[in-house]
Amino acid sequence: MKEKRIIRGKRIVPGQASGRAMVSDTPLCFRSEFDPASGRVIDVQHPLYDRDLSGRILVMPSGTGSSGNTMHVRVAGLEGTAPAALINLEADPPSVLGCVIARIPVIQVEPADLNRIGDGDWVEVDSDRETVRVYELQ
């Protein structure tokens, strides 16, 4: 792996995680567009449709939707199908609460930095240190 960059962010939910990035330019509603039993995006209109978020670093502008996001993220955490971490531009409170309960790190970054993470890049999130390390898989 070759390190591409280090991105500074703001800790929203503490913790560390690493994995391959799954990038979307569209927000995701965990309640209506995600199946916590399988870890897959189930909305055919969403760009990540049918992709498995399990253990991935989910990179997107924000979560969207309702208070149901909290329970869906929590259930995914219990099922082992949750993303390993979230990298967002904005913190969606119901999704963040689910991440707190499921102990999923969340870090907020600037728009230019969000766009510097490619789908499939290896990413190490350390929200305690407020850093994201991005590696190119060769």
Protein backbone atom coordinates (compact mmCIF):
# COMPACT_ATOMS: atom_id res chain seq x y z
CA MET A 1 0.00 0.00 0.00
CA LYS A 2 1.15 3.48 -0.81
CA GLU A 3 0.04 6.34 1.45
CA LYS A 4 -1.76 8.98 -0.60
CA ARG A 5 -2.55 11.55 2.07
CA ILE A 6 -3.41 12.38 5.66
CA ILE A 7 -6.65 14.28 6.20
CA ARG A 8 -7.46 16.24 9.34
CA GLY A 9 -11.02 16.14 10.61
CA LYS A 10 -13.23 16.71 13.61
CA ARG A 11 -14.04 13.86 16.00
CA ILE A 12 -17.78 13.18 16.23
CA VAL A 13 -17.69 9.65 17.69
CA PRO A 14 -14.37 8.44 19.13
CA GLY A 15 -12.57 5.33 17.99
CA GLN A 16 -10.36 3.78 15.35
CA ALA A 17 -11.20 1.64 12.35
CA SER A 18 -9.67 0.67 9.04
CA GLY A 19 -10.98 -0.81 5.84
CA ARG A 20 -11.76 -0.17 2.22
CA ALA A 21 -13.65 3.02 1.44
CA MET A 22 -17.13 2.93 -0.01
CA VAL A 23 -17.81 6.39 -1.41
CA SER A 24 -21.14 8.01 -2.25
CA ASP A 25 -21.90 11.59 -3.21
CA THR A 26 -25.48 10.96 -2.02
CA PRO A 27 -26.57 10.85 1.64
CA LEU A 28 -27.91 7.53 2.94
CA CYS A 29 -30.97 6.94 5.10
CA PHE A 30 -30.17 3.91 7.23
CA ARG A 31 -33.85 3.42 8.08
CA SER A 32 -35.26 3.15 4.57
CA GLU A 33 -32.31 2.54 2.24
CA PHE A 34 -30.22 0.03 4.23
CA ASP A 35 -30.91 -3.52 5.41
CA PRO A 36 -29.19 -4.08 8.77
CA ALA A 37 -29.59 -7.86 8.51
CA SER A 38 -27.53 -8.11 5.31
CA GLY A 39 -25.51 -4.86 5.43
CA ARG A 40 -26.67 -4.00 1.91
CA VAL A 41 -28.09 -0.80 0.46
CA ILE A 42 -31.61 -1.75 -0.66
CA ASP A 43 -32.87 1.41 -2.37
CA VAL A 44 -32.64 0.87 -6.13
CA GLN A 45 -32.37 4.64 -6.62
CA HIS A 46 -29.30 5.00 -4.39
CA PRO A 47 -25.85 4.94 -6.08
CA LEU A 48 -24.68 2.27 -3.60
CA TYR A 49 -27.62 -0.04 -4.38
CA ASP A 50 -26.88 -3.69 -3.56
CA ARG A 51 -23.42 -2.93 -2.18
CA ASP A 52 -22.45 -4.42 1.17
CA LEU A 53 -21.40 -1.81 3.75
CA SER A 54 -20.22 -4.42 6.28
CA GLY A 55 -16.80 -3.49 7.63
CA ARG A 56 -16.32 -0.72 5.06
CA ILE A 57 -15.43 2.91 5.73
CA LEU A 58 -18.56 4.72 4.51
CA VAL A 59 -17.67 8.09 2.95
CA MET A 60 -20.66 10.32 2.17
CA PRO A 61 -21.93 13.86 2.73
CA SER A 62 -24.18 12.86 5.65
CA GLY A 63 -26.87 10.53 6.79
CA THR A 64 -30.44 11.51 6.11
CA GLY A 65 -33.87 10.45 7.22
CA SER A 66 -35.40 9.98 10.59
CA SER A 67 -34.90 8.80 14.13
CA GLY A 68 -35.19 5.24 12.79
CA ASN A 69 -31.58 5.56 11.64
CA THR A 70 -30.44 5.10 15.25
CA MET A 71 -32.02 1.66 15.58
CA HIS A 72 -30.92 0.46 12.14
CA VAL A 73 -27.29 1.39 12.82
CA ARG A 74 -27.47 -0.27 16.24
CA VAL A 75 -28.98 -3.46 14.81
CA ALA A 76 -26.33 -3.55 12.07
CA GLY A 77 -23.69 -3.24 14.80
CA LEU A 78 -25.18 -6.20 16.64
CA GLU A 79 -25.48 -8.23 13.43
CA GLY A 80 -21.89 -7.48 12.37
CA THR A 81 -23.09 -5.80 9.18
CA ALA A 82 -22.38 -2.16 10.08
CA PRO A 83 -19.81 0.03 8.40
CA ALA A 84 -16.50 0.11 10.30
CA ALA A 85 -16.55 3.94 10.38
CA LEU A 86 -18.28 6.94 8.82
CA ILE A 87 -16.57 9.93 7.23
CA ASN A 88 -19.02 12.79 6.62
CA LEU A 89 -19.29 16.48 5.86
CA GLU A 90 -22.16 16.87 8.34
CA ALA A 91 -23.12 14.82 11.35
CA ASP A 92 -26.68 13.48 11.13
CA PRO A 93 -27.79 13.23 14.80
CA PRO A 94 -29.86 10.00 14.55
CA SER A 95 -27.08 8.21 12.62
CA VAL A 96 -24.46 9.53 15.04
CA LEU A 97 -26.46 8.28 18.03
CA GLY A 98 -26.60 4.83 16.42
CA CYS A 99 -22.83 4.98 15.92
CA VAL A 100 -22.29 5.97 19.56
CA ILE A 101 -24.34 2.97 20.71
CA ALA A 102 -22.64 0.60 18.24
CA ARG A 103 -19.17 2.10 18.89
CA ILE A 104 -18.62 3.06 15.25
CA PRO A 105 -16.16 5.96 14.82
CA VAL A 106 -17.42 9.03 12.98
CA ILE A 107 -15.24 11.87 11.74
CA GLN A 108 -16.27 15.05 9.95
CA VAL A 109 -14.07 16.47 7.18
CA GLU A 110 -14.09 19.41 4.77
CA PRO A 111 -15.67 19.03 1.30
CA ALA A 112 -12.34 19.15 -0.54
CA ASP A 113 -10.99 16.39 1.70
CA LEU A 114 -14.06 14.18 1.30
CA ASN A 115 -13.52 14.28 -2.46
CA ARG A 116 -9.92 13.11 -2.03
CA ILE A 117 -11.00 9.65 -0.84
CA GLY A 118 -11.61 7.21 -3.66
CA ASP A 119 -13.94 4.23 -3.72
CA GLY A 120 -11.84 1.21 -2.78
CA ASP A 121 -8.98 3.15 -1.17
CA TRP A 122 -7.69 1.66 2.09
CA VAL A 123 -8.58 4.08 4.89
CA GLU A 124 -7.52 4.27 8.53
CA VAL A 125 -9.79 6.42 10.68
CA ASP A 126 -8.51 7.61 14.05
CA SER A 127 -11.14 9.99 15.26
CA ASP A 128 -9.43 10.25 18.66
CA ARG A 129 -6.49 11.92 16.89
CA GLU A 130 -8.82 13.51 14.32
CA THR A 131 -6.99 11.99 11.36
CA VAL A 132 -7.84 9.92 8.31
CA ARG A 133 -5.01 8.17 6.49
CA VAL A 134 -5.73 7.22 2.90
CA TYR A 135 -3.74 4.54 1.08
CA GLU A 136 -3.85 3.48 -2.54
CA LEU A 137 -4.05 -0.29 -2.93
CA GLN A 138 -1.63 -1.49 -5.57
